[in-house]
Structures are given as C-alpha cells and as structure tokens.
Amino acid sequence: MIVKLLGIGDLICALIILMGPLFGPRVIVFFAMFLLAKGGIFGMSGNFVSVLDFFIGVYMILMGFGVTIKVISVVSMIYLSEKAIMSMLA
C-alpha cells in the first residue's frame, strides 16, 4: 500500500514538472521536499534510484525559482512517470 502511495506522489511530481508554470513556487517546492525526503531516506540505504529522486527534488526547487532546462524536465518526467506506473503495478 505504501508503495502505491509513493507512486502517486511520483506521478504528481511528474505532472508538476510538466505544468510547472501553472503552479506557484510553494506547490513546486512542497513536492520537491517530498522527493528530497524520499530520496534521502531511501538513498541512505544504498538505493541508486532514490538518489535520482533526490536530485530531481533539487531540480524542482530550482524550478520554483524559475530555472528550467527542458532536457532535464523531460527526462525527469519520463523517469518519475515510469517509476509511478511500475509502483502502481506492483
């Protein structure tokens, strides 16, 4: 059950990256903190995939301040969407 909830969080983060300018900086930073916390907690156990979550969280904080790089946005959206779909199927 927790895996599915974390997957929903990943999917929401992917949608926020997709539609970043429509959300205020507070919403973007809130979900960035979700990825930072999740990436930090699970990344300490040596899980490389969670370390990627951490770096996407850092990128989302930069998005909250207006810094966007399209290539990173697209790769992040694909990664988070794929991860969310896999966690929903698990």
PDB file of N, CA and C in Angstrom:
ATOM      1  N   MET A   1       0.817  -1.186   0.000  1.00  0.00           N
ATOM      2  CA  MET A   1       0.000   0.000   0.000  1.00  0.00           C
ATOM      3  C   MET A   1       0.867   1.259   0.000  1.00  0.00           C
ATOM      4  N   ILE A   2       1.927   1.267   0.802  1.00  0.00           N
ATOM      5  CA  ILE A   2       2.800   2.444   0.870  1.00  0.00           C
ATOM      6  C   ILE A   2       3.501   2.676  -0.465  1.00  0.00           C
ATOM      7  N   VAL A   3       3.806   1.588  -1.185  1.00  0.00           N
ATOM      8  CA  VAL A   3       4.466   1.712  -2.489  1.00  0.00           C
ATOM      9  C   VAL A   3       3.555   2.439  -3.463  1.00  0.00           C
ATOM     10  N   LYS A   4       2.276   2.137  -3.414  1.00  0.00           N
ATOM     11  CA  LYS A   4       1.323   2.797  -4.305  1.00  0.00           C
ATOM     12  C   LYS A   4       1.168   4.276  -3.956  1.00  0.00           C
ATOM     13  N   LEU A   5       1.169   4.597  -2.676  1.00  0.00           N
ATOM     14  CA  LEU A   5       1.070   5.999  -2.265  1.00  0.00           C
ATOM     15  C   LEU A   5       2.302   6.794  -2.694  1.00  0.00           C
ATOM     16  N   LEU A   6       3.470   6.195  -2.545  1.00  0.00           N
ATOM     17  CA  LEU A   6       4.690   6.861  -3.009  1.00  0.00           C
ATOM     18  C   LEU A   6       4.676   7.010  -4.528  1.00  0.00           C
ATOM     19  N   GLY A   7       4.102   6.028  -5.220  1.00  0.00           N
ATOM     20  CA  GLY A   7       3.967   6.117  -6.675  1.00  0.00           C
ATOM     21  C   GLY A   7       3.048   7.248  -7.092  1.00  0.00           C
ATOM     22  N   ILE A   8       1.972   7.446  -6.338  1.00  0.00           N
ATOM     23  CA  ILE A   8       1.072   8.564  -6.629  1.00  0.00           C
ATOM     24  C   ILE A   8       1.817   9.890  -6.438  1.00  0.00           C
ATOM     25  N   GLY A   9       2.641   9.965  -5.403  1.00  0.00           N
ATOM     26  CA  GLY A   9       3.457  11.168  -5.190  1.00  0.00           C
ATOM     27  C   GLY A   9       4.408  11.408  -6.351  1.00  0.00           C
ATOM     28  N   ASP A  10       5.016  10.327  -6.874  1.00  0.00           N
ATOM     29  CA  ASP A  10       5.903  10.464  -8.035  1.00  0.00           C
ATOM     30  C   ASP A  10       5.134  10.970  -9.250  1.00  0.00           C
ATOM     31  N   LEU A  11       3.931  10.447  -9.446  1.00  0.00           N
ATOM     32  CA  LEU A  11       3.125  10.871 -10.585  1.00  0.00           C
ATOM     33  C   LEU A  11       2.739  12.342 -10.464  1.00  0.00           C
ATOM     34  N   ILE A  12       2.387  12.779  -9.269  1.00  0.00           N
ATOM     35  CA  ILE A  12       2.063  14.190  -9.057  1.00  0.00           C
ATOM     36  C   ILE A  12       3.276  15.065  -9.337  1.00  0.00           C
ATOM     37  N   CYS A  13       4.450  14.622  -8.894  1.00  0.00           N
ATOM     38  CA  CYS A  13       5.680  15.387  -9.162  1.00  0.00           C
ATOM     39  C   CYS A  13       5.956  15.475 -10.660  1.00  0.00           C
ATOM     40  N   ALA A  14       5.711  14.377 -11.387  1.00  0.00           N
ATOM     41  CA  ALA A  14       5.910  14.401 -12.840  1.00  0.00           C
ATOM     42  C   ALA A  14       4.954  15.399 -13.487  1.00  0.00           C
ATOM     43  N   LEU A  15       3.718  15.434 -13.028  1.00  0.00           N
ATOM     44  CA  LEU A  15       2.748  16.385 -13.580  1.00  0.00           C
ATOM     45  C   LEU A  15       3.121  17.824 -13.237  1.00  0.00           C
ATOM     46  N   ILE A  16       3.666  18.035 -12.060  1.00  0.00           N
ATOM     47  CA  ILE A  16       4.092  19.384 -11.683  1.00  0.00           C
ATOM     48  C   ILE A  16       5.267  19.828 -12.549  1.00  0.00           C
ATOM     49  N   ILE A  17       6.183  18.916 -12.858  1.00  0.00           N
ATOM     50  CA  ILE A  17       7.292  19.274 -13.753  1.00  0.00           C
ATOM     51  C   ILE A  17       6.748  19.606 -15.134  1.00  0.00           C
ATOM     52  N   LEU A  18       5.742  18.852 -15.580  1.00  0.00           N
ATOM     53  CA  LEU A  18       5.145  19.095 -16.894  1.00  0.00           C
ATOM     54  C   LEU A  18       4.464  20.458 -16.953  1.00  0.00           C
ATOM     55  N   MET A  19       3.711  20.787 -15.923  1.00  0.00           N
ATOM     56  CA  MET A  19       2.917  22.011 -15.922  1.00  0.00           C
ATOM     57  C   MET A  19       3.460  23.019 -14.910  1.00  0.00           C
ATOM     58  N   GLY A  20       4.774  23.075 -14.757  1.00  0.00           N
ATOM     59  CA  GLY A  20       5.419  23.908 -13.757  1.00  0.00           C
ATOM     60  C   GLY A  20       4.933  25.341 -13.664  1.00  0.00           C
ATOM     61  N   PRO A  21       4.848  26.069 -14.776  1.00  0.00           N
ATOM     62  CA  PRO A  21       4.448  27.476 -14.672  1.00  0.00           C
ATOM     63  C   PRO A  21       3.019  27.681 -14.162  1.00  0.00           C
ATOM     64  N   LEU A  22       2.180  26.657 -14.233  1.00  0.00           N
ATOM     65  CA  LEU A  22       0.805  26.805 -13.760  1.00  0.00           C
ATOM     66  C   LEU A  22       0.701  26.760 -12.244  1.00  0.00           C
ATOM     67  N   PHE A  23       1.711  26.206 -11.600  1.00  0.00           N
ATOM     68  CA  PHE A  23       1.715  26.098 -10.145  1.00  0.00           C
ATOM     69  C   PHE A  23       2.598  27.189  -9.559  1.00  0.00           C
ATOM     70  N   GLY A  24       2.268  27.606  -8.375  1.00  0.00           N
ATOM     71  CA  GLY A  24       3.094  28.590  -7.687  1.00  0.00           C
ATOM     72  C   GLY A  24       4.347  27.942  -7.127  1.00  0.00           C
ATOM     73  N   PRO A  25       5.309  28.757  -6.758  1.00  0.00           N
ATOM     74  CA  PRO A  25       6.554  28.219  -6.211  1.00  0.00           C
ATOM     75  C   PRO A  25       6.352  27.383  -4.947  1.00  0.00           C
ATOM     76  N   ARG A  26       5.345  27.719  -4.143  1.00  0.00           N
ATOM     77  CA  ARG A  26       5.109  26.954  -2.917  1.00  0.00           C
ATOM     78  C   ARG A  26       4.720  25.513  -3.212  1.00  0.00           C
ATOM     79  N   VAL A  27       3.878  25.314  -4.201  1.00  0.00           N
ATOM     80  CA  VAL A  27       3.450  23.958  -4.563  1.00  0.00           C
ATOM     81  C   VAL A  27       4.632  23.174  -5.108  1.00  0.00           C
ATOM     82  N   ILE A  28       5.406  23.807  -5.967  1.00  0.00           N
ATOM     83  CA  ILE A  28       6.560  23.131  -6.564  1.00  0.00           C
ATOM     84  C   ILE A  28       7.558  22.737  -5.478  1.00  0.00           C
ATOM     85  N   VAL A  29       7.852  23.663  -4.574  1.00  0.00           N
ATOM     86  CA  VAL A  29       8.828  23.379  -3.515  1.00  0.00           C
ATOM     87  C   VAL A  29       8.279  22.339  -2.539  1.00  0.00           C
ATOM     88  N   PHE A  30       6.969  22.343  -2.274  1.00  0.00           N
ATOM     89  CA  PHE A  30       6.378  21.343  -1.393  1.00  0.00           C
ATOM     90  C   PHE A  30       6.616  19.933  -1.931  1.00  0.00           C
ATOM     91  N   PHE A  31       6.335  19.725  -3.206  1.00  0.00           N
ATOM     92  CA  PHE A  31       6.530  18.398  -3.783  1.00  0.00           C
ATOM     93  C   PHE A  31       8.008  18.096  -4.002  1.00  0.00           C
ATOM     94  N   ALA A  32       8.820  19.127  -4.166  1.00  0.00           N
ATOM     95  CA  ALA A  32      10.265  18.905  -4.219  1.00  0.00           C
ATOM     96  C   ALA A  32      10.754  18.375  -2.875  1.00  0.00           C
ATOM     97  N   MET A  33      10.205  18.897  -1.800  1.00  0.00           N
ATOM     98  CA  MET A  33      10.579  18.403  -0.467  1.00  0.00           C
ATOM     99  C   MET A  33      10.159  16.944  -0.290  1.00  0.00           C
ATOM    100  N   PHE A  34       9.037  16.575  -0.887  1.00  0.00           N
ATOM    101  CA  PHE A  34       8.615  15.167  -0.863  1.00  0.00           C
ATOM    102  C   PHE A  34       9.686  14.291  -1.509  1.00  0.00           C
ATOM    103  N   LEU A  35      10.158  14.696  -2.692  1.00  0.00           N
ATOM    104  CA  LEU A  35      11.185  13.907  -3.376  1.00  0.00           C
ATOM    105  C   LEU A  35      12.510  13.937  -2.622  1.00  0.00           C
ATOM    106  N   LEU A  36      12.855  15.079  -2.046  1.00  0.00           N
ATOM    107  CA  LEU A  36      14.097  15.163  -1.277  1.00  0.00           C
ATOM    108  C   LEU A  36      14.056  14.243  -0.063  1.00  0.00           C
ATOM    109  N   ALA A  37      12.933  14.244   0.636  1.00  0.00           N
ATOM    110  CA  ALA A  37      12.808  13.387   1.822  1.00  0.00           C
ATOM    111  C   ALA A  37      12.838  11.918   1.428  1.00  0.00           C
ATOM    112  N   LYS A  38      12.057  11.572   0.408  1.00  0.00           N
ATOM    113  CA  LYS A  38      12.002  10.184  -0.039  1.00  0.00           C
ATOM    114  C   LYS A  38      13.355   9.737  -0.576  1.00  0.00           C
ATOM    115  N   GLY A  39      13.990  10.567  -1.359  1.00  0.00           N
ATOM    116  CA  GLY A  39      15.297  10.235  -1.907  1.00  0.00           C
ATOM    117  C   GLY A  39      16.362  10.147  -0.835  1.00  0.00           C
ATOM    118  N   GLY A  40      16.283  11.024   0.145  1.00  0.00           N
ATOM    119  CA  GLY A  40      17.263  10.998   1.228  1.00  0.00           C
ATOM    120  C   GLY A  40      17.115   9.773   2.114  1.00  0.00           C
ATOM    121  N   ILE A  41      15.885   9.449   2.471  1.00  0.00           N
ATOM    122  CA  ILE A  41      15.644   8.307   3.362  1.00  0.00           C
ATOM    123  C   ILE A  41      16.029   6.999   2.698  1.00  0.00           C
ATOM    124  N   PHE A  42      15.518   6.783   1.483  1.00  0.00           N
ATOM    125  CA  PHE A  42      15.802   5.515   0.816  1.00  0.00           C
ATOM    126  C   PHE A  42      17.182   5.504   0.169  1.00  0.00           C
ATOM    127  N   GLY A  43      17.732   6.670  -0.119  1.00  0.00           N
ATOM    128  CA  GLY A  43      19.062   6.746  -0.709  1.00  0.00           C
ATOM    129  C   GLY A  43      20.159   6.363   0.264  1.00  0.00           C
ATOM    130  N   MET A  44      19.914   6.589   1.550  1.00  0.00           N
ATOM    131  CA  MET A  44      20.912   6.222   2.555  1.00  0.00           C
ATOM    132  C   MET A  44      21.093   4.708   2.648  1.00  0.00           C
ATOM    133  N   SER A  45      20.100   3.971   2.166  1.00  0.00           N
ATOM    134  CA  SER A  45      20.225   2.514   2.194  1.00  0.00           C
ATOM    135  C   SER A  45      21.009   1.993   0.994  1.00  0.00           C
ATOM    136  N   GLY A  46      21.492   2.890   0.151  1.00  0.00           N
ATOM    137  CA  GLY A  46      22.297   2.487  -0.995  1.00  0.00           C
ATOM    138  C   GLY A  46      21.505   2.308  -2.277  1.00  0.00           C
ATOM    139  N   ASN A  47      20.244   2.711  -2.264  1.00  0.00           N
ATOM    140  CA  ASN A  47      19.400   2.569  -3.444  1.00  0.00           C
ATOM    141  C   ASN A  47      19.686   3.729  -4.407  1.00  0.00           C
ATOM    142  N   PHE A  48      20.313   3.424  -5.556  1.00  0.00           N
ATOM    143  CA  PHE A  48      20.704   4.457  -6.515  1.00  0.00           C
ATOM    144  C   PHE A  48      19.498   5.176  -7.097  1.00  0.00           C
ATOM    145  N   VAL A  49      18.407   4.465  -7.296  1.00  0.00           N
ATOM    146  CA  VAL A  49      17.204   5.074  -7.873  1.00  0.00           C
ATOM    147  C   VAL A  49      16.688   6.190  -6.960  1.00  0.00           C
ATOM    148  N   SER A  50      16.777   5.987  -5.664  1.00  0.00           N
ATOM    149  CA  SER A  50      16.329   7.014  -4.730  1.00  0.00           C
ATOM    150  C   SER A  50      17.240   8.231  -4.744  1.00  0.00           C
ATOM    151  N   VAL A  51      18.500   8.042  -5.050  1.00  0.00           N
ATOM    152  CA  VAL A  51      19.412   9.176  -5.177  1.00  0.00           C
ATOM    153  C   VAL A  51      18.985  10.044  -6.362  1.00  0.00           C
ATOM    154  N   LEU A  52      18.481   9.423  -7.421  1.00  0.00           N
ATOM    155  CA  LEU A  52      17.962  10.193  -8.553  1.00  0.00           C
ATOM    156  C   LEU A  52      16.748  11.016  -8.127  1.00  0.00           C
ATOM    157  N   ASP A  53      15.894  10.452  -7.271  1.00  0.00           N
ATOM    158  CA  ASP A  53      14.764  11.217  -6.731  1.00  0.00           C
ATOM    159  C   ASP A  53      15.255  12.469  -6.012  1.00  0.00           C
ATOM    160  N   PHE A  54      16.312  12.319  -5.244  1.00  0.00           N
ATOM    161  CA  PHE A  54      16.873  13.446  -4.505  1.00  0.00           C
ATOM    162  C   PHE A  54      17.299  14.554  -5.475  1.00  0.00           C
ATOM    163  N   PHE A  55      18.003  14.189  -6.545  1.00  0.00           N
ATOM    164  CA  PHE A  55      18.480  15.206  -7.487  1.00  0.00           C
ATOM    165  C   PHE A  55      17.327  15.836  -8.270  1.00  0.00           C
ATOM    166  N   ILE A  56      16.286  15.061  -8.539  1.00  0.00           N
ATOM    167  CA  ILE A  56      15.114  15.651  -9.196  1.00  0.00           C
ATOM    168  C   ILE A  56      14.434  16.625  -8.235  1.00  0.00           C
ATOM    169  N   GLY A  57      14.438  16.320  -6.945  1.00  0.00           N
ATOM    170  CA  GLY A  57      13.906  17.251  -5.954  1.00  0.00           C
ATOM    171  C   GLY A  57      14.673  18.561  -5.937  1.00  0.00           C
ATOM    172  N   VAL A  58      15.990  18.468  -6.044  1.00  0.00           N
ATOM    173  CA  VAL A  58      16.817  19.686  -6.114  1.00  0.00           C
ATOM    174  C   VAL A  58      16.463  20.476  -7.374  1.00  0.00           C
ATOM    175  N   TYR A  59      16.287  19.775  -8.488  1.00  0.00           N
ATOM    176  CA  TYR A  59      15.911  20.449  -9.734  1.00  0.00           C
ATOM    177  C   TYR A  59      14.548  21.129  -9.595  1.00  0.00           C
ATOM    178  N   MET A  60      13.616  20.464  -8.916  1.00  0.00           N
ATOM    179  CA  MET A  60      12.288  21.064  -8.736  1.00  0.00           C
ATOM    180  C   MET A  60      12.361  22.329  -7.880  1.00  0.00           C
ATOM    181  N   ILE A  61      13.253  22.354  -6.900  1.00  0.00           N
ATOM    182  CA  ILE A  61      13.426  23.588  -6.123  1.00  0.00           C
ATOM    183  C   ILE A  61      13.923  24.701  -7.031  1.00  0.00           C
ATOM    184  N   LEU A  62      14.855  24.374  -7.914  1.00  0.00           N
ATOM    185  CA  LEU A  62      15.317  25.377  -8.887  1.00  0.00           C
ATOM    186  C   LEU A  62      14.170  25.827  -9.787  1.00  0.00           C
ATOM    187  N   MET A  63      13.276  24.885 -10.146  1.00  0.00           N
ATOM    188  CA  MET A  63      12.099  25.253 -10.942  1.00  0.00           C
ATOM    189  C   MET A  63      11.228  26.257 -10.195  1.00  0.00           C
ATOM    190  N   GLY A  64      11.125  26.095  -8.887  1.00  0.00           N
ATOM    191  CA  GLY A  64      10.342  27.029  -8.084  1.00  0.00           C
ATOM    192  C   GLY A  64      10.882  28.440  -8.146  1.00  0.00           C
ATOM    193  N   PHE A  65      12.179  28.568  -8.404  1.00  0.00           N
ATOM    194  CA  PHE A  65      12.810  29.880  -8.543  1.00  0.00           C
ATOM    195  C   PHE A  65      12.931  30.321  -9.998  1.00  0.00           C
ATOM    196  N   GLY A  66      12.336  29.564 -10.911  1.00  0.00           N
ATOM    197  CA  GLY A  66      12.285  29.972 -12.310  1.00  0.00           C
ATOM    198  C   GLY A  66      13.353  29.389 -13.203  1.00  0.00           C
ATOM    199  N   VAL A  67      14.172  28.475 -12.712  1.00  0.00           N
ATOM    200  CA  VAL A  67      15.231  27.872 -13.524  1.00  0.00           C
ATOM    201  C   VAL A  67      14.703  26.564 -14.107  1.00  0.00           C
ATOM    202  N   THR A  68      14.595  26.508 -15.425  1.00  0.00           N
ATOM    203  CA  THR A  68      14.152  25.262 -16.065  1.00  0.00           C
ATOM    204  C   THR A  68      15.081  24.935 -17.230  1.00  0.00           C
ATOM    205  N   ILE A  69      15.342  23.659 -17.379  1.00  0.00           N
ATOM    206  CA  ILE A  69      16.116  23.141 -18.502  1.00  0.00           C
ATOM    207  C   ILE A  69      15.260  22.044 -19.119  1.00  0.00           C
ATOM    208  N   LYS A  70      14.859  22.245 -20.353  1.00  0.00           N
ATOM    209  CA  LYS A  70      13.873  21.354 -20.967  1.00  0.00           C
ATOM    210  C   LYS A  70      14.307  19.896 -20.998  1.00  0.00           C
ATOM    211  N   VAL A  71      15.559  19.636 -21.286  1.00  0.00           N
ATOM    212  CA  VAL A  71      16.037  18.251 -21.364  1.00  0.00           C
ATOM    213  C   VAL A  71      15.912  17.576 -20.000  1.00  0.00           C
ATOM    214  N   ILE A  72      16.312  18.269 -18.959  1.00  0.00           N
ATOM    215  CA  ILE A  72      16.213  17.699 -17.612  1.00  0.00           C
ATOM    216  C   ILE A  72      14.746  17.512 -17.234  1.00  0.00           C
ATOM    217  N   SER A  73      13.901  18.453 -17.616  1.00  0.00           N
ATOM    218  CA  SER A  73      12.474  18.333 -17.318  1.00  0.00           C
ATOM    219  C   SER A  73      11.870  17.103 -17.987  1.00  0.00           C
ATOM    220  N   VAL A  74      12.184  16.900 -19.256  1.00  0.00           N
ATOM    221  CA  VAL A  74      11.622  15.762 -19.989  1.00  0.00           C
ATOM    222  C   VAL A  74      12.126  14.446 -19.407  1.00  0.00           C
ATOM    223  N   VAL A  75      13.417  14.354 -19.154  1.00  0.00           N
ATOM    224  CA  VAL A  75      13.983  13.120 -18.592  1.00  0.00           C
ATOM    225  C   VAL A  75      13.393  12.855 -17.209  1.00  0.00           C
ATOM    226  N   SER A  76      13.234  13.901 -16.403  1.00  0.00           N
ATOM    227  CA  SER A  76      12.664  13.739 -15.068  1.00  0.00           C
ATOM    228  C   SER A  76      11.215  13.280 -15.127  1.00  0.00           C
ATOM    229  N   MET A  77      10.439  13.861 -16.051  1.00  0.00           N
ATOM    230  CA  MET A  77       9.040  13.457 -16.190  1.00  0.00           C
ATOM    231  C   MET A  77       8.922  12.005 -16.611  1.00  0.00           C
ATOM    232  N   ILE A  78       9.720  11.597 -17.577  1.00  0.00           N
ATOM    233  CA  ILE A  78       9.674  10.213 -18.041  1.00  0.00           C
ATOM    234  C   ILE A  78      10.081   9.271 -16.919  1.00  0.00           C
ATOM    235  N   TYR A  79      11.138   9.596 -16.218  1.00  0.00           N
ATOM    236  CA  TYR A  79      11.631   8.755 -15.125  1.00  0.00           C
ATOM    237  C   TYR A  79      10.579   8.609 -14.026  1.00  0.00           C
ATOM    238  N   LEU A  80      10.019   9.734 -13.571  1.00  0.00           N
ATOM    239  CA  LEU A  80       9.038   9.678 -12.491  1.00  0.00           C
ATOM    240  C   LEU A  80       7.746   8.993 -12.927  1.00  0.00           C
ATOM    241  N   SER A  81       7.326   9.223 -14.162  1.00  0.00           N
ATOM    242  CA  SER A  81       6.110   8.567 -14.669  1.00  0.00           C
ATOM    243  C   SER A  81       6.296   7.068 -14.752  1.00  0.00           C
ATOM    244  N   GLU A  82       7.441   6.646 -15.275  1.00  0.00           N
ATOM    245  CA  GLU A  82       7.723   5.201 -15.382  1.00  0.00           C
ATOM    246  C   GLU A  82       7.780   4.568 -14.004  1.00  0.00           C
ATOM    247  N   LYS A  83       8.417   5.248 -13.077  1.00  0.00           N
ATOM    248  CA  LYS A  83       8.521   4.729 -11.718  1.00  0.00           C
ATOM    249  C   LYS A  83       7.154   4.656 -11.049  1.00  0.00           C
ATOM    250  N   ALA A  84       6.317   5.651 -11.295  1.00  0.00           N
ATOM    251  CA  ALA A  84       4.965   5.664 -10.728  1.00  0.00           C
ATOM    252  C   ALA A  84       4.130   4.510 -11.301  1.00  0.00           C
ATOM    253  N   ILE A  85       4.223   4.305 -12.599  1.00  0.00           N
ATOM    254  CA  ILE A  85       3.452   3.212 -13.232  1.00  0.00           C
ATOM    255  C   ILE A  85       3.911   1.870 -12.695  1.00  0.00           C
ATOM    256  N   MET A  86       5.201   1.680 -12.565  1.00  0.00           N
ATOM    257  CA  MET A  86       5.695   0.408 -12.042  1.00  0.00           C
ATOM    258  C   MET A  86       5.269   0.176 -10.598  1.00  0.00           C
ATOM    259  N   SER A  87       5.222   1.242  -9.802  1.00  0.00           N
ATOM    260  CA  SER A  87       4.801   1.062  -8.411  1.00  0.00           C
ATOM    261  C   SER A  87       3.300   0.797  -8.323  1.00  0.00           C
ATOM    262  N   MET A  88       2.531   1.299  -9.276  1.00  0.00           N
ATOM    263  CA  MET A  88       1.084   1.013  -9.290  1.00  0.00           C
ATOM    264  C   MET A  88       0.818  -0.440  -9.667  1.00  0.00           C
ATOM    265  N   LEU A  89       1.669  -0.987 -10.516  1.00  0.00           N
ATOM    266  CA  LEU A  89       1.501  -2.380 -10.948  1.00  0.00           C
ATOM    267  C   LEU A  89       2.027  -3.384  -9.931  1.00  0.00           C
ATOM    268  N   ALA A  90       2.855  -2.926  -9.010  1.00  0.00           N
ATOM    269  CA  ALA A  90       3.455  -3.846  -8.029  1.00  0.00           C
ATOM    270  C   ALA A  90       2.450  -4.295  -6.995  1.00  0.00           C
TER     271      ALA A  90
END
